[in-house]
C-alpha atoms as a PDB file:
ATOM      1  CA  MET A   1     -82.635  71.980 296.138  1.00  0.00           C
ATOM      2  CA  GLN A   2     -82.083  73.739 299.489  1.00  0.00           C
ATOM      3  CA  TYR A   3     -81.848  72.514 303.151  1.00  0.00           C
ATOM      4  CA  SER A   4     -81.859  73.428 306.146  1.00  0.00           C
ATOM      5  CA  LEU A   5     -79.000  73.078 308.387  1.00  0.00           C
ATOM      6  CA  ASP A   6     -80.918  70.308 310.604  1.00  0.00           C
ATOM      7  CA  GLU A   7     -82.309  68.719 307.345  1.00  0.00           C
ATOM      8  CA  ALA A   8     -78.656  68.654 305.549  1.00  0.00           C
ATOM      9  CA  LYS A   9     -77.573  67.245 308.664  1.00  0.00           C
ATOM     10  CA  ASP A  10     -80.058  64.658 309.025  1.00  0.00           C
ATOM     11  CA  LEU A  11     -79.393  63.177 305.234  1.00  0.00           C
ATOM     12  CA  ALA A  12     -75.484  63.416 306.696  1.00  0.00           C
ATOM     13  CA  VAL A  13     -75.910  61.329 309.650  1.00  0.00           C
ATOM     14  CA  ARG A  14     -78.096  58.793 307.983  1.00  0.00           C
ATOM     15  CA  ALA A  15     -75.955  58.156 305.547  1.00  0.00           C
ATOM     16  CA  CYS A  16     -72.985  57.835 307.791  1.00  0.00           C
ATOM     17  CA  LEU A  17     -75.125  55.085 309.749  1.00  0.00           C
ATOM     18  CA  ALA A  18     -75.982  53.337 306.695  1.00  0.00           C
ATOM     19  CA  VAL A  19     -72.372  52.891 305.494  1.00  0.00           C
ATOM     20  CA  GLY A  20     -71.419  51.357 309.073  1.00  0.00           C
ATOM     21  CA  ALA A  21     -70.704  54.064 311.028  1.00  0.00           C
ATOM     22  CA  ALA A  22     -71.590  54.344 314.969  1.00  0.00           C
ATOM     23  CA  PRO A  23     -73.857  57.080 316.111  1.00  0.00           C
ATOM     24  CA  ALA A  24     -70.915  59.149 317.790  1.00  0.00           C
ATOM     25  CA  ALA A  25     -68.933  58.994 314.886  1.00  0.00           C
ATOM     26  CA  ALA A  26     -71.620  59.769 312.263  1.00  0.00           C
ATOM     27  CA  ASN A  27     -72.860  62.969 314.084  1.00  0.00           C
ATOM     28  CA  ALA A  28     -69.093  64.158 314.676  1.00  0.00           C
ATOM     29  CA  LEU A  29     -68.922  63.495 311.050  1.00  0.00           C
ATOM     30  CA  ALA A  30     -72.290  65.029 309.872  1.00  0.00           C
ATOM     31  CA  GLU A  31     -71.374  68.033 312.477  1.00  0.00           C
ATOM     32  CA  ALA A  32     -68.140  68.914 310.561  1.00  0.00           C
ATOM     33  CA  THR A  33     -69.600  68.433 307.442  1.00  0.00           C
ATOM     34  CA  ILE A  34     -72.653  71.024 307.786  1.00  0.00           C
ATOM     35  CA  SER A  35     -69.896  73.948 309.566  1.00  0.00           C
ATOM     36  CA  ALA A  36     -68.259  73.276 306.512  1.00  0.00           C
ATOM     37  CA  GLU A  37     -71.175  74.489 304.205  1.00  0.00           C
ATOM     38  CA  ARG A  38     -72.084  76.929 306.574  1.00  0.00           C
ATOM     39  CA  HIS A  39     -68.869  78.948 306.255  1.00  0.00           C
ATOM     40  CA  GLY A  40     -68.614  78.586 302.618  1.00  0.00           C
ATOM     41  CA  ARG A  41     -65.771  75.776 302.532  1.00  0.00           C
ATOM     42  CA  HIS A  42     -68.038  73.786 299.954  1.00  0.00           C
ATOM     43  CA  SER A  43     -65.050  71.594 298.803  1.00  0.00           C
ATOM     44  CA  VAL A  44     -64.615  69.957 302.061  1.00  0.00           C
ATOM     45  CA  GLY A  45     -68.269  69.573 302.944  1.00  0.00           C
ATOM     46  CA  PHE A  46     -70.857  66.752 301.176  1.00  0.00           C
ATOM     47  CA  ALA A  47     -68.670  67.322 298.153  1.00  0.00           C
ATOM     48  CA  HIS A  48     -65.650  65.588 300.724  1.00  0.00           C
ATOM     49  CA  LEU A  49     -68.383  63.544 302.584  1.00  0.00           C
ATOM     50  CA  PHE A  50     -68.696  61.210 299.878  1.00  0.00           C
ATOM     51  CA  ASP A  51     -64.979  60.378 300.556  1.00  0.00           C
ATOM     52  CA  TYR A  52     -66.021  59.507 303.876  1.00  0.00           C
ATOM     53  CA  LEU A  53     -68.484  57.270 302.841  1.00  0.00           C
ATOM     54  CA  GLU A  54     -66.652  55.277 300.293  1.00  0.00           C
ATOM     55  CA  GLY A  55     -64.071  54.957 303.351  1.00  0.00           C
ATOM     56  CA  LEU A  56     -66.469  53.421 305.687  1.00  0.00           C
ATOM     57  CA  LEU A  57     -67.608  51.171 303.065  1.00  0.00           C
ATOM     58  CA  SER A  58     -64.321  50.181 301.774  1.00  0.00           C
ATOM     59  CA  GLY A  59     -62.681  49.559 305.493  1.00  0.00           C
ATOM     60  CA  ARG A  60     -60.250  52.869 305.321  1.00  0.00           C
ATOM     61  CA  ILE A  61     -62.170  54.076 308.181  1.00  0.00           C
ATOM     62  CA  SER A  62     -63.432  52.273 310.809  1.00  0.00           C
ATOM     63  CA  GLY A  63     -67.006  53.657 311.718  1.00  0.00           C
ATOM     64  CA  THR A  64     -66.986  52.096 315.179  1.00  0.00           C
ATOM     65  CA  ALA A  65     -63.480  52.745 316.373  1.00  0.00           C
ATOM     66  CA  GLU A  66     -63.637  54.747 319.683  1.00  0.00           C
ATOM     67  CA  PRO A  67     -60.532  57.097 320.510  1.00  0.00           C
ATOM     68  CA  GLU A  68     -58.502  56.281 323.282  1.00  0.00           C
ATOM     69  CA  LEU A  69     -57.308  59.348 324.846  1.00  0.00           C
ATOM     70  CA  SER A  70     -54.014  59.684 327.245  1.00  0.00           C
ATOM     71  CA  TYR A  71     -52.210  62.664 329.104  1.00  0.00           C
ATOM     72  CA  PRO A  72     -48.633  61.830 329.297  1.00  0.00           C
ATOM     73  CA  ALA A  73     -47.879  65.981 330.739  1.00  0.00           C
ATOM     74  CA  PRO A  74     -50.787  68.125 332.508  1.00  0.00           C
ATOM     75  CA  ALA A  75     -50.943  70.571 329.065  1.00  0.00           C
ATOM     76  CA  ILE A  76     -50.815  67.721 326.385  1.00  0.00           C
ATOM     77  CA  VAL A  77     -53.666  65.514 325.376  1.00  0.00           C
ATOM     78  CA  GLN A  78     -53.224  62.398 322.994  1.00  0.00           C
ATOM     79  CA  ALA A  79     -56.079  60.763 321.064  1.00  0.00           C
ATOM     80  CA  ASP A  80     -55.358  57.497 319.056  1.00  0.00           C
ATOM     81  CA  ALA A  81     -57.678  57.455 316.176  1.00  0.00           C
ATOM     82  CA  LYS A  82     -57.688  53.528 315.478  1.00  0.00           C
ATOM     83  CA  GLY A  83     -58.189  54.089 312.065  1.00  0.00           C
ATOM     84  CA  GLY A  84     -61.339  56.124 312.766  1.00  0.00           C
ATOM     85  CA  ILE A  85     -61.912  59.925 312.412  1.00  0.00           C
ATOM     86  CA  ALA A  86     -60.618  63.166 313.781  1.00  0.00           C
ATOM     87  CA  GLN A  87     -63.635  64.527 314.124  1.00  0.00           C
ATOM     88  CA  LEU A  88     -64.597  62.023 316.670  1.00  0.00           C
ATOM     89  CA  CYS A  89     -60.939  62.470 318.481  1.00  0.00           C
ATOM     90  CA  LEU A  90     -61.857  66.214 318.564  1.00  0.00           C
ATOM     91  CA  ASP A  91     -65.368  65.835 320.113  1.00  0.00           C
ATOM     92  CA  GLN A  92     -64.268  63.079 322.947  1.00  0.00           C
ATOM     93  CA  ALA A  93     -61.442  65.109 324.052  1.00  0.00           C
ATOM     94  CA  PHE A  94     -63.139  68.484 323.553  1.00  0.00           C
ATOM     95  CA  GLU A  95     -64.070  69.456 327.421  1.00  0.00           C
ATOM     96  CA  GLU A  96     -60.936  68.005 328.657  1.00  0.00           C
ATOM     97  CA  LEU A  97     -58.838  70.850 326.021  1.00  0.00           C
ATOM     98  CA  LEU A  98     -60.998  73.482 327.363  1.00  0.00           C
ATOM     99  CA  ALA A  99     -60.339  72.612 330.911  1.00  0.00           C
ATOM    100  CA  ARG A 100     -56.495  72.009 331.034  1.00  0.00           C
ATOM    101  CA  THR A 101     -56.118  75.543 328.392  1.00  0.00           C
ATOM    102  CA  LYS A 102     -58.125  77.277 331.198  1.00  0.00           C
ATOM    103  CA  SER A 103     -55.819  75.870 334.253  1.00  0.00           C
ATOM    104  CA  TYR A 104     -52.611  76.193 332.351  1.00  0.00           C
ATOM    105  CA  GLY A 105     -53.060  78.683 329.776  1.00  0.00           C
ATOM    106  CA  VAL A 106     -51.797  76.237 326.722  1.00  0.00           C
ATOM    107  CA  THR A 107     -52.737  73.139 325.428  1.00  0.00           C
ATOM    108  CA  VAL A 108     -51.769  70.563 323.099  1.00  0.00           C
ATOM    109  CA  PHE A 109     -53.486  67.989 321.306  1.00  0.00           C
ATOM    110  CA  SER A 110     -52.473  65.058 319.404  1.00  0.00           C
ATOM    111  CA  VAL A 111     -53.857  63.087 317.208  1.00  0.00           C
ATOM    112  CA  THR A 112     -52.539  59.805 315.126  1.00  0.00           C
ATOM    113  CA  ASP A 113     -54.087  57.100 312.836  1.00  0.00           C
ATOM    114  CA  SER A 114     -57.090  58.741 311.583  1.00  0.00           C
ATOM    115  CA  TYR A 115     -58.612  59.070 308.231  1.00  0.00           C
ATOM    116  CA  THR A 116     -57.846  62.961 307.049  1.00  0.00           C
ATOM    117  CA  ALA A 117     -59.290  65.623 308.637  1.00  0.00           C
ATOM    118  CA  GLY A 118     -61.421  67.499 306.359  1.00  0.00           C
ATOM    119  CA  GLU A 119     -61.516  71.331 307.035  1.00  0.00           C
ATOM    120  CA  LEU A 120     -59.100  71.981 309.202  1.00  0.00           C
ATOM    121  CA  GLY A 121     -60.646  75.415 310.211  1.00  0.00           C
ATOM    122  CA  TYR A 122     -63.372  73.394 311.857  1.00  0.00           C
ATOM    123  CA  TYR A 123     -61.155  71.902 314.516  1.00  0.00           C
ATOM    124  CA  ALA A 124     -59.316  75.597 315.228  1.00  0.00           C
ATOM    125  CA  ARG A 125     -62.738  77.701 314.782  1.00  0.00           C
ATOM    126  CA  LYS A 126     -64.188  75.208 317.536  1.00  0.00           C
ATOM    127  CA  MET A 127     -61.751  76.431 319.973  1.00  0.00           C
ATOM    128  CA  ALA A 128     -61.695  79.843 319.098  1.00  0.00           C
ATOM    129  CA  GLU A 129     -65.704  80.462 319.738  1.00  0.00           C
ATOM    130  CA  GLN A 130     -64.820  78.949 323.276  1.00  0.00           C
ATOM    131  CA  GLY A 131     -62.239  82.280 323.548  1.00  0.00           C
ATOM    132  CA  LEU A 132     -58.878  80.442 323.090  1.00  0.00           C
ATOM    133  CA  ILE A 133     -56.440  81.209 320.313  1.00  0.00           C
ATOM    134  CA  ALA A 134     -55.689  77.555 318.422  1.00  0.00           C
ATOM    135  CA  LEU A 135     -53.345  76.696 315.642  1.00  0.00           C
ATOM    136  CA  ALA A 136     -53.776  73.122 313.542  1.00  0.00           C
ATOM    137  CA  ALA A 137     -51.954  71.273 311.463  1.00  0.00           C
ATOM    138  CA  THR A 138     -52.571  68.252 309.810  1.00  0.00           C
ATOM    139  CA  ASN A 139     -50.771  65.948 306.951  1.00  0.00           C
ATOM    140  CA  GLY A 140     -52.159  62.989 304.527  1.00  0.00           C
ATOM    141  CA  PRO A 141     -51.208  61.331 301.604  1.00  0.00           C
ATOM    142  CA  ALA A 142     -48.216  62.734 299.295  1.00  0.00           C
ATOM    143  CA  LEU A 143     -49.918  64.466 297.123  1.00  0.00           C
ATOM    144  CA  LEU A 144     -47.274  67.574 296.804  1.00  0.00           C
ATOM    145  CA  ALA A 145     -44.105  67.884 294.853  1.00  0.00           C
ATOM    146  CA  ALA A 146     -41.595  69.747 295.904  1.00  0.00           C
ATOM    147  CA  GLY A 147     -37.922  71.268 295.261  1.00  0.00           C
ATOM    148  CA  ARG A 148     -36.691  69.613 292.139  1.00  0.00           C
ATOM    149  CA  SER A 149     -38.569  66.441 292.775  1.00  0.00           C
ATOM    150  CA  ALA A 150     -41.531  65.481 290.538  1.00  0.00           C
ATOM    151  CA  GLU A 151     -42.318  62.946 293.113  1.00  0.00           C
ATOM    152  CA  ALA A 152     -45.245  63.620 295.538  1.00  0.00           C
ATOM    153  CA  VAL A 153     -43.310  63.749 298.882  1.00  0.00           C
ATOM    154  CA  TYR A 154     -45.925  65.273 301.444  1.00  0.00           C
ATOM    155  CA  GLY A 155     -49.639  66.136 301.493  1.00  0.00           C
ATOM    156  CA  THR A 156     -51.180  69.166 300.960  1.00  0.00           C
ATOM    157  CA  ASN A 157     -50.494  69.856 304.576  1.00  0.00           C
ATOM    158  CA  PRO A 158     -52.779  72.470 305.789  1.00  0.00           C
ATOM    159  CA  PHE A 159     -52.681  74.557 308.589  1.00  0.00           C
ATOM    160  CA  ALA A 160     -55.354  76.772 310.235  1.00  0.00           C
ATOM    161  CA  PHE A 161     -55.369  79.426 312.743  1.00  0.00           C
ATOM    162  CA  ALA A 162     -58.363  80.943 314.759  1.00  0.00           C
ATOM    163  CA  ALA A 163     -58.367  83.654 317.229  1.00  0.00           C
ATOM    164  CA  PRO A 164     -61.752  84.981 319.377  1.00  0.00           C
ATOM    165  CA  THR A 165     -62.857  88.477 318.576  1.00  0.00           C
ATOM    166  CA  GLN A 166     -65.265  89.971 320.834  1.00  0.00           C
ATOM    167  CA  GLY A 167     -68.873  90.402 319.595  1.00  0.00           C
ATOM    168  CA  LYS A 168     -67.824  89.221 316.236  1.00  0.00           C
ATOM    169  CA  ALA A 169     -67.174  85.539 314.335  1.00  0.00           C
ATOM    170  CA  PRO A 170     -63.690  84.331 315.028  1.00  0.00           C
ATOM    171  CA  LEU A 171     -60.695  85.567 313.052  1.00  0.00           C
ATOM    172  CA  VAL A 172     -60.190  81.962 310.971  1.00  0.00           C
ATOM    173  CA  PHE A 173     -57.987  81.162 308.377  1.00  0.00           C
ATOM    174  CA  ASP A 174     -57.144  77.632 306.541  1.00  0.00           C
ATOM    175  CA  GLN A 175     -55.015  77.134 303.780  1.00  0.00           C
ATOM    176  CA  ALA A 176     -53.156  74.087 302.008  1.00  0.00           C
ATOM    177  CA  SER A 177     -49.334  74.118 301.753  1.00  0.00           C
ATOM    178  CA  SER A 178     -50.371  73.327 298.265  1.00  0.00           C
ATOM    179  CA  ALA A 179     -51.543  76.081 295.774  1.00  0.00           C
ATOM    180  CA  THR A 180     -54.437  74.294 295.894  1.00  0.00           C
ATOM    181  CA  ALA A 181     -56.772  71.579 297.533  1.00  0.00           C
ATOM    182  CA  PHE A 182     -56.760  68.247 295.927  1.00  0.00           C
ATOM    183  CA  VAL A 183     -60.390  68.169 296.230  1.00  0.00           C
ATOM    184  CA  LYS A 184     -60.680  71.278 293.638  1.00  0.00           C
ATOM    185  CA  VAL A 185     -58.118  69.403 291.167  1.00  0.00           C
ATOM    186  CA  ARG A 186     -59.875  66.562 291.260  1.00  0.00           C
ATOM    187  CA  GLY A 187     -63.560  68.323 291.170  1.00  0.00           C
ATOM    188  CA  ALA A 188     -61.811  70.216 287.761  1.00  0.00           C
ATOM    189  CA  ALA A 189     -60.816  66.808 286.230  1.00  0.00           C
ATOM    190  CA  GLU A 190     -64.758  65.219 286.945  1.00  0.00           C
ATOM    191  CA  ARG A 191     -65.890  68.266 285.095  1.00  0.00           C
ATOM    192  CA  GLY A 192     -63.545  68.708 282.214  1.00  0.00           C
ATOM    193  CA  ASP A 193     -62.243  71.999 283.460  1.00  0.00           C
ATOM    194  CA  SER A 194     -58.849  73.251 283.040  1.00  0.00           C
ATOM    195  CA  ILE A 195     -56.761  74.538 286.138  1.00  0.00           C
ATOM    196  CA  PRO A 196     -54.017  77.534 286.635  1.00  0.00           C
ATOM    197  CA  GLU A 197     -50.727  77.227 285.710  1.00  0.00           C
ATOM    198  CA  GLY A 198     -48.945  76.815 288.728  1.00  0.00           C
ATOM    199  CA  TRP A 199     -51.525  74.312 290.697  1.00  0.00           C
ATOM    200  CA  ALA A 200     -49.795  70.964 289.371  1.00  0.00           C
ATOM    201  CA  VAL A 201     -47.123  68.985 287.253  1.00  0.00           C
ATOM    202  CA  ASP A 202     -48.301  66.219 285.388  1.00  0.00           C
ATOM    203  CA  GLU A 203     -46.468  62.697 286.043  1.00  0.00           C
ATOM    204  CA  ARG A 204     -43.437  63.896 283.981  1.00  0.00           C
ATOM    205  CA  GLY A 205     -42.995  66.564 286.034  1.00  0.00           C
ATOM    206  CA  GLN A 206     -43.980  69.164 283.579  1.00  0.00           C
ATOM    207  CA  HIS A 207     -46.208  71.956 284.400  1.00  0.00           C
ATOM    208  CA  THR A 208     -49.869  71.459 283.453  1.00  0.00           C
ATOM    209  CA  THR A 209     -53.365  72.944 283.235  1.00  0.00           C
ATOM    210  CA  ASP A 210     -54.932  70.002 282.361  1.00  0.00           C
ATOM    211  CA  SER A 211     -56.663  68.683 285.496  1.00  0.00           C
ATOM    212  CA  ARG A 212     -56.693  65.190 284.088  1.00  0.00           C
ATOM    213  CA  GLU A 213     -53.110  64.892 283.634  1.00  0.00           C
ATOM    214  CA  ALA A 214     -52.428  67.094 287.001  1.00  0.00           C
ATOM    215  CA  ILE A 215     -54.441  63.709 289.107  1.00  0.00           C
ATOM    216  CA  LYS A 216     -51.517  61.588 287.495  1.00  0.00           C
ATOM    217  CA  GLY A 217     -48.861  63.862 288.698  1.00  0.00           C
ATOM    218  CA  ALA A 218     -48.708  65.954 291.652  1.00  0.00           C
ATOM    219  CA  LEU A 219     -49.942  69.157 293.105  1.00  0.00           C
ATOM    220  CA  LEU A 220     -47.129  72.451 293.789  1.00  0.00           C
ATOM    221  CA  ALA A 221     -46.615  74.450 296.913  1.00  0.00           C
ATOM    222  CA  PHE A 222     -47.640  78.231 296.840  1.00  0.00           C
ATOM    223  CA  GLY A 223     -45.088  80.162 296.620  1.00  0.00           C
ATOM    224  CA  GLY A 224     -42.332  77.735 295.700  1.00  0.00           C
ATOM    225  CA  SER A 225     -39.870  76.730 298.207  1.00  0.00           C
ATOM    226  CA  ARG A 226     -41.416  78.879 301.062  1.00  0.00           C
ATOM    227  CA  GLY A 227     -44.526  77.012 300.624  1.00  0.00           C
ATOM    228  CA  ALA A 228     -42.615  73.729 300.707  1.00  0.00           C
ATOM    229  CA  ASN A 229     -41.104  74.691 303.699  1.00  0.00           C
ATOM    230  CA  ILE A 230     -44.484  75.470 305.093  1.00  0.00           C
ATOM    231  CA  ALA A 231     -45.336  71.943 304.024  1.00  0.00           C
ATOM    232  CA  LEU A 232     -42.085  70.312 305.975  1.00  0.00           C
ATOM    233  CA  MET A 233     -43.167  71.763 308.933  1.00  0.00           C
ATOM    234  CA  VAL A 234     -46.691  71.006 308.848  1.00  0.00           C
ATOM    235  CA  GLU A 235     -44.999  67.162 308.127  1.00  0.00           C
ATOM    236  CA  VAL A 236     -43.002  67.003 311.208  1.00  0.00           C
ATOM    237  CA  LEU A 237     -45.980  68.564 313.538  1.00  0.00           C
ATOM    238  CA  ALA A 238     -48.973  66.447 312.197  1.00  0.00           C
ATOM    239  CA  ALA A 239     -46.759  63.248 311.163  1.00  0.00           C
ATOM    240  CA  GLY A 240     -43.206  63.362 313.335  1.00  0.00           C
ATOM    241  CA  VAL A 241     -44.571  64.888 316.821  1.00  0.00           C
ATOM    242  CA  THR A 242     -47.993  62.733 316.754  1.00  0.00           C
ATOM    243  CA  GLY A 243     -46.645  59.363 315.263  1.00  0.00           C
ATOM    244  CA  ALA A 244     -48.622  59.537 312.813  1.00  0.00           C
ATOM    245  CA  ASN A 245     -47.582  58.219 309.076  1.00  0.00           C
ATOM    246  CA  TRP A 246     -45.446  60.503 306.850  1.00  0.00           C
ATOM    247  CA  SER A 247     -47.013  61.283 304.174  1.00  0.00           C
ATOM    248  CA  LEU A 248     -44.599  59.192 301.919  1.00  0.00           C
ATOM    249  CA  ASP A 249     -45.953  56.226 303.801  1.00  0.00           C
ATOM    250  CA  ALA A 250     -49.353  56.998 303.808  1.00  0.00           C
ATOM    251  CA  PRO A 251     -52.458  54.719 302.204  1.00  0.00           C
ATOM    252  CA  ALA A 252     -54.241  56.665 299.571  1.00  0.00           C
ATOM    253  CA  PHE A 253     -57.516  58.298 301.318  1.00  0.00           C
ATOM    254  CA  ASP A 254     -59.674  57.641 298.123  1.00  0.00           C
ATOM    255  CA  GLU A 255     -58.878  53.744 297.424  1.00  0.00           C
ATOM    256  CA  GLY A 256     -57.593  50.782 298.998  1.00  0.00           C
ATOM    257  CA  SER A 257     -58.789  49.173 302.170  1.00  0.00           C
ATOM    258  CA  GLU A 258     -56.038  50.743 304.705  1.00  0.00           C
ATOM    259  CA  SER A 259     -56.435  53.935 306.577  1.00  0.00           C
ATOM    260  CA  PRO A 260     -54.034  56.681 305.458  1.00  0.00           C
ATOM    261  CA  GLY A 261     -52.990  56.907 309.541  1.00  0.00           C
ATOM    262  CA  ALA A 262     -52.716  60.710 309.321  1.00  0.00           C
ATOM    263  CA  GLY A 263     -51.934  62.989 312.151  1.00  0.00           C
ATOM    264  CA  LEU A 264     -53.163  65.977 313.686  1.00  0.00           C
ATOM    265  CA  PHE A 265     -51.537  68.867 315.808  1.00  0.00           C
ATOM    266  CA  MET A 266     -53.008  71.561 317.945  1.00  0.00           C
ATOM    267  CA  VAL A 267     -51.802  74.308 320.138  1.00  0.00           C
ATOM    268  CA  MET A 268     -54.377  75.998 322.116  1.00  0.00           C
ATOM    269  CA  LEU A 269     -53.731  78.947 323.737  1.00  0.00           C
ATOM    270  CA  ASP A 270     -55.834  81.175 326.480  1.00  0.00           C
ATOM    271  CA  PRO A 271     -55.114  84.723 325.519  1.00  0.00           C
ATOM    272  CA  LYS A 272     -56.460  86.353 328.633  1.00  0.00           C
ATOM    273  CA  VAL A 273     -53.760  84.903 330.344  1.00  0.00           C
ATOM    274  CA  LEU A 274     -51.369  87.223 329.099  1.00  0.00           C
ATOM    275  CA  ASP A 275     -53.945  89.919 328.040  1.00  0.00           C
ATOM    276  CA  PRO A 276     -57.219  89.903 329.574  1.00  0.00           C
ATOM    277  CA  SER A 277     -58.478  92.579 326.596  1.00  0.00           C
ATOM    278  CA  PHE A 278     -57.100  90.611 323.758  1.00  0.00           C
ATOM    279  CA  SER A 279     -60.633  90.024 322.276  1.00  0.00           C
ATOM    280  CA  ASP A 280     -61.459  93.753 322.277  1.00  0.00           C
ATOM    281  CA  ARG A 281     -58.379  94.786 320.998  1.00  0.00           C
ATOM    282  CA  LEU A 282     -58.193  92.313 318.215  1.00  0.00           C
ATOM    283  CA  ALA A 283     -62.123  93.075 317.364  1.00  0.00           C
ATOM    284  CA  SER A 284     -61.213  96.574 317.289  1.00  0.00           C
ATOM    285  CA  GLN A 285     -57.512  95.914 315.203  1.00  0.00           C
ATOM    286  CA  VAL A 286     -59.707  94.102 312.582  1.00  0.00           C
ATOM    287  CA  GLU A 287     -62.194  96.746 312.202  1.00  0.00           C
ATOM    288  CA  ARG A 288     -59.299  98.731 311.398  1.00  0.00           C
ATOM    289  CA  LEU A 289     -57.801  96.657 308.917  1.00  0.00           C
ATOM    290  CA  ALA A 290     -61.077  96.109 307.035  1.00  0.00           C
ATOM    291  CA  ALA A 291     -61.483 100.211 306.889  1.00  0.00           C
ATOM    292  CA  LYS A 292     -58.200  99.901 304.900  1.00  0.00           C
ATOM    293  CA  GLY A 293     -59.290  97.183 302.600  1.00  0.00           C
ATOM    294  CA  VAL A 294     -57.762  94.397 304.059  1.00  0.00           C
ATOM    295  CA  HIS A 295     -59.765  90.867 303.749  1.00  0.00           C
ATOM    296  CA  ILE A 296     -60.419  89.694 307.197  1.00  0.00           C
ATOM    297  CA  PRO A 297     -60.809  85.508 306.750  1.00  0.00           C
ATOM    298  CA  GLY A 298     -63.368  84.120 308.709  1.00  0.00           C
ATOM    299  CA  GLY A 299     -65.620  87.137 309.230  1.00  0.00           C
ATOM    300  CA  GLY A 300     -67.943  86.774 306.456  1.00  0.00           C
ATOM    301  CA  SER A 301     -71.858  85.793 306.643  1.00  0.00           C
ATOM    302  CA  LEU A 302     -72.957  81.887 308.000  1.00  0.00           C
ATOM    303  CA  GLN A 303     -75.382  80.271 305.390  1.00  0.00           C
ATOM    304  CA  SER A 304     -78.623  79.288 306.908  1.00  0.00           C
ATOM    305  CA  GLU A 305     -79.290  76.470 304.510  1.00  0.00           C
ATOM    306  CA  VAL A 306     -77.091  73.963 301.920  1.00  0.00           C
ATOM    307  CA  ASP A 307     -77.822  73.553 298.439  1.00  0.00           C
ATOM    308  CA  LEU A 308     -77.318  70.056 297.477  1.00  0.00           C
ATOM    309  CA  PRO A 309     -77.673  69.201 293.865  1.00  0.00           C
ATOM    310  CA  ASP A 310     -80.509  66.372 293.031  1.00  0.00           C
ATOM    311  CA  GLU A 311     -78.184  64.248 292.350  1.00  0.00           C
ATOM    312  CA  TRP A 312     -76.239  64.138 295.356  1.00  0.00           C
ATOM    313  CA  VAL A 313     -79.068  63.892 297.290  1.00  0.00           C
ATOM    314  CA  ALA A 314     -80.084  60.706 295.533  1.00  0.00           C
ATOM    315  CA  ARG A 315     -76.482  59.368 295.968  1.00  0.00           C
ATOM    316  CA  LEU A 316     -76.829  59.989 299.806  1.00  0.00           C
ATOM    317  CA  GLU A 317     -80.208  58.222 299.923  1.00  0.00           C
ATOM    318  CA  ARG A 318     -78.715  55.080 297.894  1.00  0.00           C
ATOM    319  CA  TYR A 319     -76.385  54.341 300.835  1.00  0.00           C
ATOM    320  CA  GLY A 320     -79.502  54.006 303.337  1.00  0.00           C
ATOM    321  CA  ASN A 321     -81.232  51.682 300.566  1.00  0.00           C
ATOM    322  CA  GLN A 322     -77.863  49.706 300.403  1.00  0.00           C
ATOM    323  CA  LYS A 323     -78.088  48.883 304.216  1.00  0.00           C
ATOM    324  CA  GLN A 324     -81.973  48.262 304.031  1.00  0.00           C
ATOM    325  CA  GLU A 325     -81.317  45.724 300.949  1.00  0.00           C
ATOM    326  CA  SER A 326     -78.366  44.214 302.905  1.00  0.00           C
ATOM    327  CA  SER A 327     -80.545  43.492 305.801  1.00  0.00           C
ATOM    328  CA  GLN A 328     -83.183  41.492 303.707  1.00  0.00           C
END
């Protein structure tokens, strides 16, 4: 069925509240979920929301955690998620980040001890919509093998970049250091589909196109050692600089009762400090590149409705029913 954005957000909010999320956390998570769907990032939209709901039920996510913000330097904002979600940290720090970036030209945002970040492009896009350039990096539990090791040593360690373009949607790209996102491999395994060569190895370290064997093994970096270097860079920023768990030490995001304790690192830059005409110039350059056949990420049409399988809607509603039954 198709739902309006408001209807779909209401479904998400009610499900989050039903499994113990405080109103602010429920709204932050629902907003990020709808943004992912609206921008065509379905694998980290409602499909991934179920990981959050199960995490809230099991204790992997603290639904009532209130982020603790601190300001160790004028252009640095730190957030301790306290086992909660990074989306709420961004909501709580958003106005301060904007104000400090406008004042100092550049700001760093650091988040520690959070659940995995979901659609990373969401964080960068929100800043670009306010006229800022943003770079974001985040880690998570080890899922990615590197070098000659068959053991997973990094998370999928995505990074995202966004920049404002005058009169157009922001330029945004969001990609994992792995050849694909883990949720795509997991989805293929659930359907019994094969995966392309080069996405993953099995538990013996052998290349595989069997998605179910890949789940037991590890993902591979895009571009071999070059992609693995990007994963390491993201690890240094998102786990090392923020004080979050290294991916090797992060508990699983989809089982157990412990938070992954992941990190998020962002840099925001006000381009007008260096070039007042930046957004106009970028808009013109994007048009020139597009005319030459270059794909411009982030500039596609936005979806005005959300397609949700009946099975998913029923599952979302069951979370609400569980809460009603437990209160009786």
